[in-house]
Amino acid sequence: MESNPQLKDVETDAYRVNFFHPRPGFMRQKVRYTWFLLAGWALFTFGFQCLLLLTQENAIGEGPFTRFELFRFPLHLWFSGQFLIFWFILQCFLFNTFVDRLTRGSSRPALPSWAGKTSCRL
């Protein structure tokens, strides 16, 4: 018995996920959240490093961010060593919160208790 190639394409098409062109609905919103949080991660991780480079005043890297102290540490050291860890944890929390809300909103409501019963009285 030969299988129909068109039917095979339909079956496997249900499992295809494209991160750059997601399907509408749940997947598109989830990818939008992922892009948003990935952009936030890149902004804080690489943006602050670029800001340090742009504001340095001499060849050894001294600048306003290296002179300013936060909790008795230079700001650039505290930002890279402490704040980015807090930012990562916050992003994990936000992603899980967003996806839980999205899942709750897109899931089908449960059937009422009487809907599954099929009793016929004759």
PDB file of N, CA and C in Angstrom:
ATOM      1  N   MET A   1       0.844  -1.176   0.000  1.00  0.00           N
ATOM      2  CA  MET A   1       0.000   0.000   0.000  1.00  0.00           C
ATOM      3  C   MET A   1       0.887   1.237   0.000  1.00  0.00           C
ATOM      4  N   GLU A   2       0.698   2.080  -0.957  1.00  0.00           N
ATOM      5  CA  GLU A   2       1.519   3.278  -1.087  1.00  0.00           C
ATOM      6  C   GLU A   2       0.895   4.430  -0.307  1.00  0.00           C
ATOM      7  N   SER A   3       1.771   5.243   0.301  1.00  0.00           N
ATOM      8  CA  SER A   3       1.259   6.390   1.047  1.00  0.00           C
ATOM      9  C   SER A   3       1.168   7.601   0.120  1.00  0.00           C
ATOM     10  N   ASN A   4       0.240   8.423   0.396  1.00  0.00           N
ATOM     11  CA  ASN A   4       0.004   9.620  -0.383  1.00  0.00           C
ATOM     12  C   ASN A   4       1.008  10.697   0.063  1.00  0.00           C
ATOM     13  N   PRO A   5       1.882  11.228  -0.848  1.00  0.00           N
ATOM     14  CA  PRO A   5       2.862  12.236  -0.437  1.00  0.00           C
ATOM     15  C   PRO A   5       2.215  13.542   0.020  1.00  0.00           C
ATOM     16  N   GLN A   6       1.050  13.883  -0.523  1.00  0.00           N
ATOM     17  CA  GLN A   6       0.377  15.106  -0.089  1.00  0.00           C
ATOM     18  C   GLN A   6      -0.123  14.972   1.348  1.00  0.00           C
ATOM     19  N   LEU A   7      -0.607  13.809   1.696  1.00  0.00           N
ATOM     20  CA  LEU A   7      -1.065  13.566   3.057  1.00  0.00           C
ATOM     21  C   LEU A   7       0.108  13.616   4.032  1.00  0.00           C
ATOM     22  N   LYS A   8       1.243  13.088   3.605  1.00  0.00           N
ATOM     23  CA  LYS A   8       2.434  13.119   4.450  1.00  0.00           C
ATOM     24  C   LYS A   8       2.873  14.559   4.717  1.00  0.00           C
ATOM     25  N   ASP A   9       2.797  15.432   3.704  1.00  0.00           N
ATOM     26  CA  ASP A   9       3.150  16.839   3.877  1.00  0.00           C
ATOM     27  C   ASP A   9       2.206  17.533   4.857  1.00  0.00           C
ATOM     28  N   VAL A  10       0.934  17.195   4.809  1.00  0.00           N
ATOM     29  CA  VAL A  10      -0.039  17.797   5.713  1.00  0.00           C
ATOM     30  C   VAL A  10       0.248  17.363   7.151  1.00  0.00           C
ATOM     31  N   GLU A  11       0.600  16.081   7.339  1.00  0.00           N
ATOM     32  CA  GLU A  11       0.886  15.583   8.682  1.00  0.00           C
ATOM     33  C   GLU A  11       2.130  16.233   9.270  1.00  0.00           C
ATOM     34  N   THR A  12       3.194  16.365   8.483  1.00  0.00           N
ATOM     35  CA  THR A  12       4.425  16.953   9.009  1.00  0.00           C
ATOM     36  C   THR A  12       4.342  18.470   9.085  1.00  0.00           C
ATOM     37  N   ASP A  13       3.458  19.093   8.334  1.00  0.00           N
ATOM     38  CA  ASP A  13       3.322  20.550   8.365  1.00  0.00           C
ATOM     39  C   ASP A  13       2.812  21.030   9.721  1.00  0.00           C
ATOM     40  N   ALA A  14       2.083  20.205  10.417  1.00  0.00           N
ATOM     41  CA  ALA A  14       1.552  20.585  11.729  1.00  0.00           C
ATOM     42  C   ALA A  14       2.668  20.746  12.754  1.00  0.00           C
ATOM     43  N   TYR A  15       3.809  20.119  12.532  1.00  0.00           N
ATOM     44  CA  TYR A  15       4.910  20.175  13.491  1.00  0.00           C
ATOM     45  C   TYR A  15       6.010  21.148  13.117  1.00  0.00           C
ATOM     46  N   ARG A  16       5.861  21.851  12.026  1.00  0.00           N
ATOM     47  CA  ARG A  16       6.887  22.806  11.605  1.00  0.00           C
ATOM     48  C   ARG A  16       6.762  24.104  12.387  1.00  0.00           C
ATOM     49  N   VAL A  17       7.898  24.590  12.893  1.00  0.00           N
ATOM     50  CA  VAL A  17       7.939  25.850  13.619  1.00  0.00           C
ATOM     51  C   VAL A  17       9.029  26.700  13.004  1.00  0.00           C
ATOM     52  N   ASN A  18       8.682  27.902  12.596  1.00  0.00           N
ATOM     53  CA  ASN A  18       9.648  28.822  12.030  1.00  0.00           C
ATOM     54  C   ASN A  18       9.732  30.029  12.958  1.00  0.00           C
ATOM     55  N   PHE A  19      10.896  30.239  13.549  1.00  0.00           N
ATOM     56  CA  PHE A  19      11.076  31.314  14.513  1.00  0.00           C
ATOM     57  C   PHE A  19      10.957  32.692  13.867  1.00  0.00           C
ATOM     58  N   PHE A  20      11.302  32.798  12.590  1.00  0.00           N
ATOM     59  CA  PHE A  20      11.274  34.092  11.908  1.00  0.00           C
ATOM     60  C   PHE A  20       9.940  34.384  11.232  1.00  0.00           C
ATOM     61  N   HIS A  21       9.128  33.376  11.025  1.00  0.00           N
ATOM     62  CA  HIS A  21       7.790  33.569  10.449  1.00  0.00           C
ATOM     63  C   HIS A  21       6.841  32.570  11.108  1.00  0.00           C
ATOM     64  N   PRO A  22       6.461  32.841  12.367  1.00  0.00           N
ATOM     65  CA  PRO A  22       5.618  31.881  13.085  1.00  0.00           C
ATOM     66  C   PRO A  22       4.176  31.916  12.618  1.00  0.00           C
ATOM     67  N   ARG A  23       3.482  30.871  12.965  1.00  0.00           N
ATOM     68  CA  ARG A  23       2.061  30.808  12.631  1.00  0.00           C
ATOM     69  C   ARG A  23       1.285  31.820  13.477  1.00  0.00           C
ATOM     70  N   PRO A  24       0.168  32.292  12.987  1.00  0.00           N
ATOM     71  CA  PRO A  24      -0.617  33.252  13.777  1.00  0.00           C
ATOM     72  C   PRO A  24      -1.182  32.597  15.035  1.00  0.00           C
ATOM     73  N   GLY A  25      -1.458  33.441  16.002  1.00  0.00           N
ATOM     74  CA  GLY A  25      -2.066  32.952  17.238  1.00  0.00           C
ATOM     75  C   GLY A  25      -1.037  32.769  18.333  1.00  0.00           C
ATOM     76  N   PHE A  26      -1.126  31.637  18.999  1.00  0.00           N
ATOM     77  CA  PHE A  26      -0.297  31.344  20.162  1.00  0.00           C
ATOM     78  C   PHE A  26       1.196  31.428  19.839  1.00  0.00           C
ATOM     79  N   MET A  27       1.607  30.764  18.769  1.00  0.00           N
ATOM     80  CA  MET A  27       3.037  30.705  18.446  1.00  0.00           C
ATOM     81  C   MET A  27       3.585  32.095  18.092  1.00  0.00           C
ATOM     82  N   ARG A  28       2.835  32.880  17.369  1.00  0.00           N
ATOM     83  CA  ARG A  28       3.297  34.213  16.992  1.00  0.00           C
ATOM     84  C   ARG A  28       3.488  35.096  18.225  1.00  0.00           C
ATOM     85  N   GLN A  29       2.569  35.022  19.170  1.00  0.00           N
ATOM     86  CA  GLN A  29       2.675  35.826  20.384  1.00  0.00           C
ATOM     87  C   GLN A  29       3.847  35.348  21.247  1.00  0.00           C
ATOM     88  N   LYS A  30       4.056  34.057  21.319  1.00  0.00           N
ATOM     89  CA  LYS A  30       5.174  33.516  22.102  1.00  0.00           C
ATOM     90  C   LYS A  30       6.509  33.936  21.497  1.00  0.00           C
ATOM     91  N   VAL A  31       6.603  33.911  20.192  1.00  0.00           N
ATOM     92  CA  VAL A  31       7.840  34.357  19.525  1.00  0.00           C
ATOM     93  C   VAL A  31       8.031  35.857  19.719  1.00  0.00           C
ATOM     94  N   ARG A  32       6.956  36.618  19.725  1.00  0.00           N
ATOM     95  CA  ARG A  32       7.048  38.063  19.975  1.00  0.00           C
ATOM     96  C   ARG A  32       7.609  38.327  21.374  1.00  0.00           C
ATOM     97  N   TYR A  33       7.133  37.591  22.372  1.00  0.00           N
ATOM     98  CA  TYR A  33       7.676  37.725  23.730  1.00  0.00           C
ATOM     99  C   TYR A  33       9.161  37.365  23.764  1.00  0.00           C
ATOM    100  N   THR A  34       9.523  36.309  23.057  1.00  0.00           N
ATOM    101  CA  THR A  34      10.924  35.880  23.033  1.00  0.00           C
ATOM    102  C   THR A  34      11.808  36.946  22.407  1.00  0.00           C
ATOM    103  N   TRP A  35      11.382  37.527  21.293  1.00  0.00           N
ATOM    104  CA  TRP A  35      12.161  38.589  20.652  1.00  0.00           C
ATOM    105  C   TRP A  35      12.289  39.812  21.558  1.00  0.00           C
ATOM    106  N   PHE A  36      11.206  40.173  22.222  1.00  0.00           N
ATOM    107  CA  PHE A  36      11.206  41.328  23.114  1.00  0.00           C
ATOM    108  C   PHE A  36      12.212  41.127  24.253  1.00  0.00           C
ATOM    109  N   LEU A  37      12.177  39.965  24.885  1.00  0.00           N
ATOM    110  CA  LEU A  37      13.091  39.703  25.992  1.00  0.00           C
ATOM    111  C   LEU A  37      14.529  39.518  25.516  1.00  0.00           C
ATOM    112  N   LEU A  38      14.715  38.966  24.342  1.00  0.00           N
ATOM    113  CA  LEU A  38      16.063  38.831  23.781  1.00  0.00           C
ATOM    114  C   LEU A  38      16.658  40.204  23.469  1.00  0.00           C
ATOM    115  N   ALA A  39      15.833  41.115  22.986  1.00  0.00           N
ATOM    116  CA  ALA A  39      16.304  42.485  22.731  1.00  0.00           C
ATOM    117  C   ALA A  39      16.667  43.187  24.038  1.00  0.00           C
ATOM    118  N   GLY A  40      15.881  42.963  25.095  1.00  0.00           N
ATOM    119  CA  GLY A  40      16.204  43.532  26.400  1.00  0.00           C
ATOM    120  C   GLY A  40      17.510  42.990  26.952  1.00  0.00           C
ATOM    121  N   TRP A  41      17.725  41.693  26.773  1.00  0.00           N
ATOM    122  CA  TRP A  41      18.983  41.080  27.217  1.00  0.00           C
ATOM    123  C   TRP A  41      20.168  41.684  26.450  1.00  0.00           C
ATOM    124  N   ALA A  42      20.044  41.803  25.143  1.00  0.00           N
ATOM    125  CA  ALA A  42      21.137  42.348  24.331  1.00  0.00           C
ATOM    126  C   ALA A  42      21.401  43.811  24.674  1.00  0.00           C
ATOM    127  N   LEU A  43      20.352  44.570  24.915  1.00  0.00           N
ATOM    128  CA  LEU A  43      20.520  45.979  25.259  1.00  0.00           C
ATOM    129  C   LEU A  43      21.334  46.135  26.540  1.00  0.00           C
ATOM    130  N   PHE A  44      20.975  45.412  27.577  1.00  0.00           N
ATOM    131  CA  PHE A  44      21.688  45.557  28.842  1.00  0.00           C
ATOM    132  C   PHE A  44      23.072  44.926  28.798  1.00  0.00           C
ATOM    133  N   THR A  45      23.222  43.813  28.109  1.00  0.00           N
ATOM    134  CA  THR A  45      24.515  43.134  28.087  1.00  0.00           C
ATOM    135  C   THR A  45      25.525  43.869  27.218  1.00  0.00           C
ATOM    136  N   PHE A  46      25.147  44.167  25.992  1.00  0.00           N
ATOM    137  CA  PHE A  46      26.102  44.784  25.069  1.00  0.00           C
ATOM    138  C   PHE A  46      26.019  46.306  25.069  1.00  0.00           C
ATOM    139  N   GLY A  47      24.847  46.850  25.334  1.00  0.00           N
ATOM    140  CA  GLY A  47      24.681  48.299  25.324  1.00  0.00           C
ATOM    141  C   GLY A  47      25.507  48.991  26.390  1.00  0.00           C
ATOM    142  N   PHE A  48      25.541  48.419  27.594  1.00  0.00           N
ATOM    143  CA  PHE A  48      26.327  49.038  28.660  1.00  0.00           C
ATOM    144  C   PHE A  48      27.818  48.963  28.353  1.00  0.00           C
ATOM    145  N   GLN A  49      28.250  47.872  27.760  1.00  0.00           N
ATOM    146  CA  GLN A  49      29.671  47.755  27.393  1.00  0.00           C
ATOM    147  C   GLN A  49      30.042  48.791  26.328  1.00  0.00           C
ATOM    148  N   CYS A  50      29.157  49.005  25.367  1.00  0.00           N
ATOM    149  CA  CYS A  50      29.403  50.034  24.344  1.00  0.00           C
ATOM    150  C   CYS A  50      29.394  51.423  24.973  1.00  0.00           C
ATOM    151  N   LEU A  51      28.505  51.647  25.938  1.00  0.00           N
ATOM    152  CA  LEU A  51      28.464  52.925  26.634  1.00  0.00           C
ATOM    153  C   LEU A  51      29.762  53.171  27.406  1.00  0.00           C
ATOM    154  N   LEU A  52      30.299  52.145  28.024  1.00  0.00           N
ATOM    155  CA  LEU A  52      31.588  52.273  28.705  1.00  0.00           C
ATOM    156  C   LEU A  52      32.691  52.652  27.724  1.00  0.00           C
ATOM    157  N   LEU A  53      32.676  52.004  26.574  1.00  0.00           N
ATOM    158  CA  LEU A  53      33.697  52.286  25.564  1.00  0.00           C
ATOM    159  C   LEU A  53      33.572  53.716  25.032  1.00  0.00           C
ATOM    160  N   LEU A  54      32.364  54.181  24.823  1.00  0.00           N
ATOM    161  CA  LEU A  54      32.157  55.528  24.279  1.00  0.00           C
ATOM    162  C   LEU A  54      32.464  56.639  25.288  1.00  0.00           C
ATOM    163  N   THR A  55      32.349  56.348  26.580  1.00  0.00           N
ATOM    164  CA  THR A  55      32.561  57.398  27.585  1.00  0.00           C
ATOM    165  C   THR A  55      33.945  57.345  28.234  1.00  0.00           C
ATOM    166  N   GLN A  56      34.801  56.436  27.803  1.00  0.00           N
ATOM    167  CA  GLN A  56      36.135  56.393  28.413  1.00  0.00           C
ATOM    168  C   GLN A  56      36.919  57.658  28.052  1.00  0.00           C
ATOM    169  N   GLU A  57      37.699  58.116  29.013  1.00  0.00           N
ATOM    170  CA  GLU A  57      38.409  59.384  28.843  1.00  0.00           C
ATOM    171  C   GLU A  57      39.882  59.223  28.500  1.00  0.00           C
ATOM    172  N   ASN A  58      40.438  58.052  28.722  1.00  0.00           N
ATOM    173  CA  ASN A  58      41.841  57.833  28.358  1.00  0.00           C
ATOM    174  C   ASN A  58      42.034  56.389  27.902  1.00  0.00           C
ATOM    175  N   ALA A  59      43.266  56.037  27.587  1.00  0.00           N
ATOM    176  CA  ALA A  59      43.559  54.734  26.991  1.00  0.00           C
ATOM    177  C   ALA A  59      43.356  53.562  27.957  1.00  0.00           C
ATOM    178  N   ILE A  60      43.440  53.813  29.254  1.00  0.00           N
ATOM    179  CA  ILE A  60      43.278  52.695  30.193  1.00  0.00           C
ATOM    180  C   ILE A  60      41.814  52.478  30.582  1.00  0.00           C
ATOM    181  N   GLY A  61      40.917  53.246  30.043  1.00  0.00           N
ATOM    182  CA  GLY A  61      39.496  53.007  30.206  1.00  0.00           C
ATOM    183  C   GLY A  61      38.822  53.749  31.338  1.00  0.00           C
ATOM    184  N   GLU A  62      39.466  54.723  31.927  1.00  0.00           N
ATOM    185  CA  GLU A  62      38.817  55.477  32.998  1.00  0.00           C
ATOM    186  C   GLU A  62      37.733  56.374  32.422  1.00  0.00           C
ATOM    187  N   GLY A  63      36.655  56.484  33.186  1.00  0.00           N
ATOM    188  CA  GLY A  63      35.544  57.318  32.760  1.00  0.00           C
ATOM    189  C   GLY A  63      34.576  57.491  33.904  1.00  0.00           C
ATOM    190  N   PRO A  64      33.452  58.139  33.643  1.00  0.00           N
ATOM    191  CA  PRO A  64      32.494  58.397  34.728  1.00  0.00           C
ATOM    192  C   PRO A  64      31.922  57.112  35.335  1.00  0.00           C
ATOM    193  N   PHE A  65      31.756  56.073  34.545  1.00  0.00           N
ATOM    194  CA  PHE A  65      31.184  54.833  35.080  1.00  0.00           C
ATOM    195  C   PHE A  65      32.195  54.032  35.885  1.00  0.00           C
ATOM    196  N   THR A  66      33.470  54.222  35.654  1.00  0.00           N
ATOM    197  CA  THR A  66      34.471  53.524  36.456  1.00  0.00           C
ATOM    198  C   THR A  66      34.771  54.275  37.749  1.00  0.00           C
ATOM    199  N   ARG A  67      34.538  55.577  37.774  1.00  0.00           N
ATOM    200  CA  ARG A  67      34.769  56.350  38.997  1.00  0.00           C
ATOM    201  C   ARG A  67      33.594  56.284  39.968  1.00  0.00           C
ATOM    202  N   PHE A  68      32.382  56.152  39.454  1.00  0.00           N
ATOM    203  CA  PHE A  68      31.190  56.102  40.298  1.00  0.00           C
ATOM    204  C   PHE A  68      31.120  54.749  41.004  1.00  0.00           C
ATOM    205  N   GLU A  69      30.835  54.754  42.301  1.00  0.00           N
ATOM    206  CA  GLU A  69      30.763  53.511  43.058  1.00  0.00           C
ATOM    207  C   GLU A  69      29.336  53.239  43.517  1.00  0.00           C
ATOM    208  N   LEU A  70      28.985  51.961  43.505  1.00  0.00           N
ATOM    209  CA  LEU A  70      27.691  51.496  43.975  1.00  0.00           C
ATOM    210  C   LEU A  70      27.960  50.320  44.898  1.00  0.00           C
ATOM    211  N   PHE A  71      27.561  50.427  46.164  1.00  0.00           N
ATOM    212  CA  PHE A  71      27.857  49.421  47.185  1.00  0.00           C
ATOM    213  C   PHE A  71      29.358  49.169  47.300  1.00  0.00           C
ATOM    214  N   ARG A  72      30.123  50.240  47.215  1.00  0.00           N
ATOM    215  CA  ARG A  72      31.588  50.249  47.331  1.00  0.00           C
ATOM    216  C   ARG A  72      32.300  49.484  46.204  1.00  0.00           C
ATOM    217  N   PHE A  73      31.615  49.272  45.104  1.00  0.00           N
ATOM    218  CA  PHE A  73      32.213  48.675  43.902  1.00  0.00           C
ATOM    219  C   PHE A  73      32.086  49.673  42.766  1.00  0.00           C
ATOM    220  N   PRO A  74      33.034  49.689  41.834  1.00  0.00           N
ATOM    221  CA  PRO A  74      32.846  50.532  40.643  1.00  0.00           C
ATOM    222  C   PRO A  74      31.573  50.109  39.905  1.00  0.00           C
ATOM    223  N   LEU A  75      30.873  51.084  39.360  1.00  0.00           N
ATOM    224  CA  LEU A  75      29.572  50.807  38.737  1.00  0.00           C
ATOM    225  C   LEU A  75      29.675  49.758  37.637  1.00  0.00           C
ATOM    226  N   HIS A  76      30.711  49.846  36.812  1.00  0.00           N
ATOM    227  CA  HIS A  76      30.809  48.890  35.706  1.00  0.00           C
ATOM    228  C   HIS A  76      31.003  47.465  36.223  1.00  0.00           C
ATOM    229  N   LEU A  77      31.731  47.303  37.321  1.00  0.00           N
ATOM    230  CA  LEU A  77      31.939  45.968  37.887  1.00  0.00           C
ATOM    231  C   LEU A  77      30.645  45.443  38.512  1.00  0.00           C
ATOM    232  N   TRP A  78      29.939  46.294  39.262  1.00  0.00           N
ATOM    233  CA  TRP A  78      28.685  45.876  39.876  1.00  0.00           C
ATOM    234  C   TRP A  78      27.648  45.542  38.805  1.00  0.00           C
ATOM    235  N   PHE A  79      27.594  46.350  37.754  1.00  0.00           N
ATOM    236  CA  PHE A  79      26.614  46.121  36.690  1.00  0.00           C
ATOM    237  C   PHE A  79      26.848  44.766  36.024  1.00  0.00           C
ATOM    238  N   SER A  80      28.111  44.481  35.695  1.00  0.00           N
ATOM    239  CA  SER A  80      28.416  43.224  35.008  1.00  0.00           C
ATOM    240  C   SER A  80      28.330  42.018  35.942  1.00  0.00           C
ATOM    241  N   GLY A  81      28.729  42.185  37.185  1.00  0.00           N
ATOM    242  CA  GLY A  81      28.785  41.048  38.089  1.00  0.00           C
ATOM    243  C   GLY A  81      27.514  40.763  38.846  1.00  0.00           C
ATOM    244  N   GLN A  82      26.691  41.765  39.110  1.00  0.00           N
ATOM    245  CA  GLN A  82      25.488  41.571  39.922  1.00  0.00           C
ATOM    246  C   GLN A  82      24.199  41.874  39.164  1.00  0.00           C
ATOM    247  N   PHE A  83      24.129  43.046  38.556  1.00  0.00           N
ATOM    248  CA  PHE A  83      22.883  43.461  37.938  1.00  0.00           C
ATOM    249  C   PHE A  83      22.469  42.547  36.796  1.00  0.00           C
ATOM    250  N   LEU A  84      23.397  42.101  35.983  1.00  0.00           N
ATOM    251  CA  LEU A  84      23.032  41.247  34.848  1.00  0.00           C
ATOM    252  C   LEU A  84      22.471  39.907  35.305  1.00  0.00           C
ATOM    253  N   ILE A  85      22.912  39.418  36.464  1.00  0.00           N
ATOM    254  CA  ILE A  85      22.333  38.186  37.005  1.00  0.00           C
ATOM    255  C   ILE A  85      20.897  38.442  37.450  1.00  0.00           C
ATOM    256  N   PHE A  86      20.671  39.562  38.129  1.00  0.00           N
ATOM    257  CA  PHE A  86      19.308  39.918  38.524  1.00  0.00           C
ATOM    258  C   PHE A  86      18.418  40.123  37.290  1.00  0.00           C
ATOM    259  N   TRP A  87      18.973  40.738  36.272  1.00  0.00           N
ATOM    260  CA  TRP A  87      18.217  40.979  35.036  1.00  0.00           C
ATOM    261  C   TRP A  87      17.827  39.663  34.375  1.00  0.00           C
ATOM    262  N   PHE A  88      18.729  38.689  34.358  1.00  0.00           N
ATOM    263  CA  PHE A  88      18.438  37.386  33.769  1.00  0.00           C
ATOM    264  C   PHE A  88      17.309  36.701  34.537  1.00  0.00           C
ATOM    265  N   ILE A  89      17.371  36.723  35.858  1.00  0.00           N
ATOM    266  CA  ILE A  89      16.328  36.100  36.667  1.00  0.00           C
ATOM    267  C   ILE A  89      14.989  36.800  36.438  1.00  0.00           C
ATOM    268  N   LEU A  90      14.994  38.121  36.362  1.00  0.00           N
ATOM    269  CA  LEU A  90      13.772  38.876  36.090  1.00  0.00           C
ATOM    270  C   LEU A  90      13.206  38.518  34.719  1.00  0.00           C
ATOM    271  N   GLN A  91      14.067  38.359  33.728  1.00  0.00           N
ATOM    272  CA  GLN A  91      13.584  37.994  32.396  1.00  0.00           C
ATOM    273  C   GLN A  91      12.992  36.594  32.378  1.00  0.00           C
ATOM    274  N   CYS A  92      13.578  35.668  33.102  1.00  0.00           N
ATOM    275  CA  CYS A  92      13.004  34.319  33.202  1.00  0.00           C
ATOM    276  C   CYS A  92      11.612  34.383  33.826  1.00  0.00           C
ATOM    277  N   PHE A  93      11.483  35.159  34.885  1.00  0.00           N
ATOM    278  CA  PHE A  93      10.180  35.323  35.540  1.00  0.00           C
ATOM    279  C   PHE A  93       9.167  35.953  34.580  1.00  0.00           C
ATOM    280  N   LEU A  94       9.581  37.004  33.878  1.00  0.00           N
ATOM    281  CA  LEU A  94       8.670  37.671  32.943  1.00  0.00           C
ATOM    282  C   LEU A  94       8.239  36.739  31.814  1.00  0.00           C
ATOM    283  N   PHE A  95       9.178  35.985  31.262  1.00  0.00           N
ATOM    284  CA  PHE A  95       8.839  35.078  30.165  1.00  0.00           C
ATOM    285  C   PHE A  95       7.835  34.032  30.640  1.00  0.00           C
ATOM    286  N   ASN A  96       8.079  33.441  31.800  1.00  0.00           N
ATOM    287  CA  ASN A  96       7.147  32.439  32.305  1.00  0.00           C
ATOM    288  C   ASN A  96       5.780  33.038  32.602  1.00  0.00           C
ATOM    289  N   THR A  97       5.751  34.246  33.135  1.00  0.00           N
ATOM    290  CA  THR A  97       4.476  34.908  33.401  1.00  0.00           C
ATOM    291  C   THR A  97       3.729  35.191  32.107  1.00  0.00           C
ATOM    292  N   PHE A  98       4.429  35.713  31.109  1.00  0.00           N
ATOM    293  CA  PHE A  98       3.792  36.010  29.819  1.00  0.00           C
ATOM    294  C   PHE A  98       3.252  34.744  29.158  1.00  0.00           C
ATOM    295  N   VAL A  99       4.049  33.695  29.148  1.00  0.00           N
ATOM    296  CA  VAL A  99       3.619  32.463  28.481  1.00  0.00           C
ATOM    297  C   VAL A  99       2.486  31.794  29.254  1.00  0.00           C
ATOM    298  N   ASP A 100       2.525  31.847  30.580  1.00  0.00           N
ATOM    299  CA  ASP A 100       1.404  31.286  31.355  1.00  0.00           C
ATOM    300  C   ASP A 100       0.111  32.026  31.046  1.00  0.00           C
ATOM    301  N   ARG A 101       0.173  33.345  30.980  1.00  0.00           N
ATOM    302  CA  ARG A 101      -1.020  34.137  30.638  1.00  0.00           C
ATOM    303  C   ARG A 101      -1.499  33.808  29.233  1.00  0.00           C
ATOM    304  N   LEU A 102      -0.550  33.676  28.323  1.00  0.00           N
ATOM    305  CA  LEU A 102      -0.892  33.360  26.937  1.00  0.00           C
ATOM    306  C   LEU A 102      -1.521  31.971  26.845  1.00  0.00           C
ATOM    307  N   THR A 103      -0.966  31.019  27.558  1.00  0.00           N
ATOM    308  CA  THR A 103      -1.496  29.661  27.541  1.00  0.00           C
ATOM    309  C   THR A 103      -2.893  29.620  28.153  1.00  0.00           C
ATOM    310  N   ARG A 104      -3.062  30.321  29.252  1.00  0.00           N
ATOM    311  CA  ARG A 104      -4.370  30.359  29.905  1.00  0.00           C
ATOM    312  C   ARG A 104      -5.414  31.003  28.985  1.00  0.00           C
ATOM    313  N   GLY A 105      -5.022  32.026  28.253  1.00  0.00           N
ATOM    314  CA  GLY A 105      -5.963  32.715  27.375  1.00  0.00           C
ATOM    315  C   GLY A 105      -6.285  31.963  26.107  1.00  0.00           C
ATOM    316  N   SER A 106      -5.373  31.098  25.653  1.00  0.00           N
ATOM    317  CA  SER A 106      -5.610  30.415  24.386  1.00  0.00           C
ATOM    318  C   SER A 106      -6.112  28.995  24.558  1.00  0.00           C
ATOM    319  N   SER A 107      -6.136  28.489  25.787  1.00  0.00           N
ATOM    320  CA  SER A 107      -6.606  27.117  25.979  1.00  0.00           C
ATOM    321  C   SER A 107      -8.130  27.071  25.908  1.00  0.00           C
ATOM    322  N   ARG A 108      -8.623  25.936  25.516  1.00  0.00           N
ATOM    323  CA  ARG A 108     -10.069  25.770  25.385  1.00  0.00           C
ATOM    324  C   ARG A 108     -10.689  25.596  26.766  1.00  0.00           C
ATOM    325  N   PRO A 109     -11.870  26.134  26.955  1.00  0.00           N
ATOM    326  CA  PRO A 109     -12.522  25.943  28.260  1.00  0.00           C
ATOM    327  C   PRO A 109     -12.924  24.474  28.454  1.00  0.00           C
ATOM    328  N   ALA A 110     -12.924  24.058  29.689  1.00  0.00           N
ATOM    329  CA  ALA A 110     -13.310  22.678  29.994  1.00  0.00           C
ATOM    330  C   ALA A 110     -14.800  22.494  29.732  1.00  0.00           C
ATOM    331  N   LEU A 111     -15.157  21.287  29.359  1.00  0.00           N
ATOM    332  CA  LEU A 111     -16.567  20.980  29.131  1.00  0.00           C
ATOM    333  C   LEU A 111     -17.293  20.931  30.463  1.00  0.00           C
ATOM    334  N   PRO A 112     -18.524  21.353  30.486  1.00  0.00           N
ATOM    335  CA  PRO A 112     -19.285  21.239  31.731  1.00  0.00           C
ATOM    336  C   PRO A 112     -19.486  19.771  32.106  1.00  0.00           C
ATOM    337  N   SER A 113     -19.785  19.527  33.358  1.00  0.00           N
ATOM    338  CA  SER A 113     -19.883  18.146  33.843  1.00  0.00           C
ATOM    339  C   SER A 113     -20.981  17.357  33.128  1.00  0.00           C
ATOM    340  N   TRP A 114     -22.027  18.021  32.690  1.00  0.00           N
ATOM    341  CA  TRP A 114     -23.126  17.313  32.047  1.00  0.00           C
ATOM    342  C   TRP A 114     -22.855  17.003  30.582  1.00  0.00           C
ATOM    343  N   ALA A 115     -21.813  17.626  29.983  1.00  0.00           N
ATOM    344  CA  ALA A 115     -21.597  17.469  28.535  1.00  0.00           C
ATOM    345  C   ALA A 115     -21.088  16.079  28.173  1.00  0.00           C
ATOM    346  N   GLY A 116     -20.367  15.415  29.057  1.00  0.00           N
ATOM    347  CA  GLY A 116     -19.817  14.112  28.720  1.00  0.00           C
ATOM    348  C   GLY A 116     -20.794  12.974  28.940  1.00  0.00           C
ATOM    349  N   LYS A 117     -21.860  13.240  29.613  1.00  0.00           N
ATOM    350  CA  LYS A 117     -22.817  12.174  29.927  1.00  0.00           C
ATOM    351  C   LYS A 117     -23.805  12.008  28.776  1.00  0.00           C
ATOM    352  N   THR A 118     -23.967  10.773  28.370  1.00  0.00           N
ATOM    353  CA  THR A 118     -24.930  10.488  27.309  1.00  0.00           C
ATOM    354  C   THR A 118     -25.892   9.419  27.826  1.00  0.00           C
ATOM    355  N   SER A 119     -26.852   9.856  28.537  1.00  0.00           N
ATOM    356  CA  SER A 119     -27.831   8.887  29.046  1.00  0.00           C
ATOM    357  C   SER A 119     -29.132   9.053  28.279  1.00  0.00           C
ATOM    358  N   CYS A 120     -29.639   7.976  27.843  1.00  0.00           N
ATOM    359  CA  CYS A 120     -30.909   7.979  27.109  1.00  0.00           C
ATOM    360  C   CYS A 120     -31.926   7.212  27.928  1.00  0.00           C
ATOM    361  N   ARG A 121     -33.015   7.845  28.208  1.00  0.00           N
ATOM    362  CA  ARG A 121     -34.092   7.170  28.936  1.00  0.00           C
ATOM    363  C   ARG A 121     -35.195   6.849  27.945  1.00  0.00           C
ATOM    364  N   LEU A 122     -35.534   5.632  27.910  1.00  0.00           N
ATOM    365  CA  LEU A 122     -36.599   5.210  27.001  1.00  0.00           C
ATOM    366  C   LEU A 122     -37.877   4.968  27.714  1.00  0.00           C
TER     367      LEU A 122
END
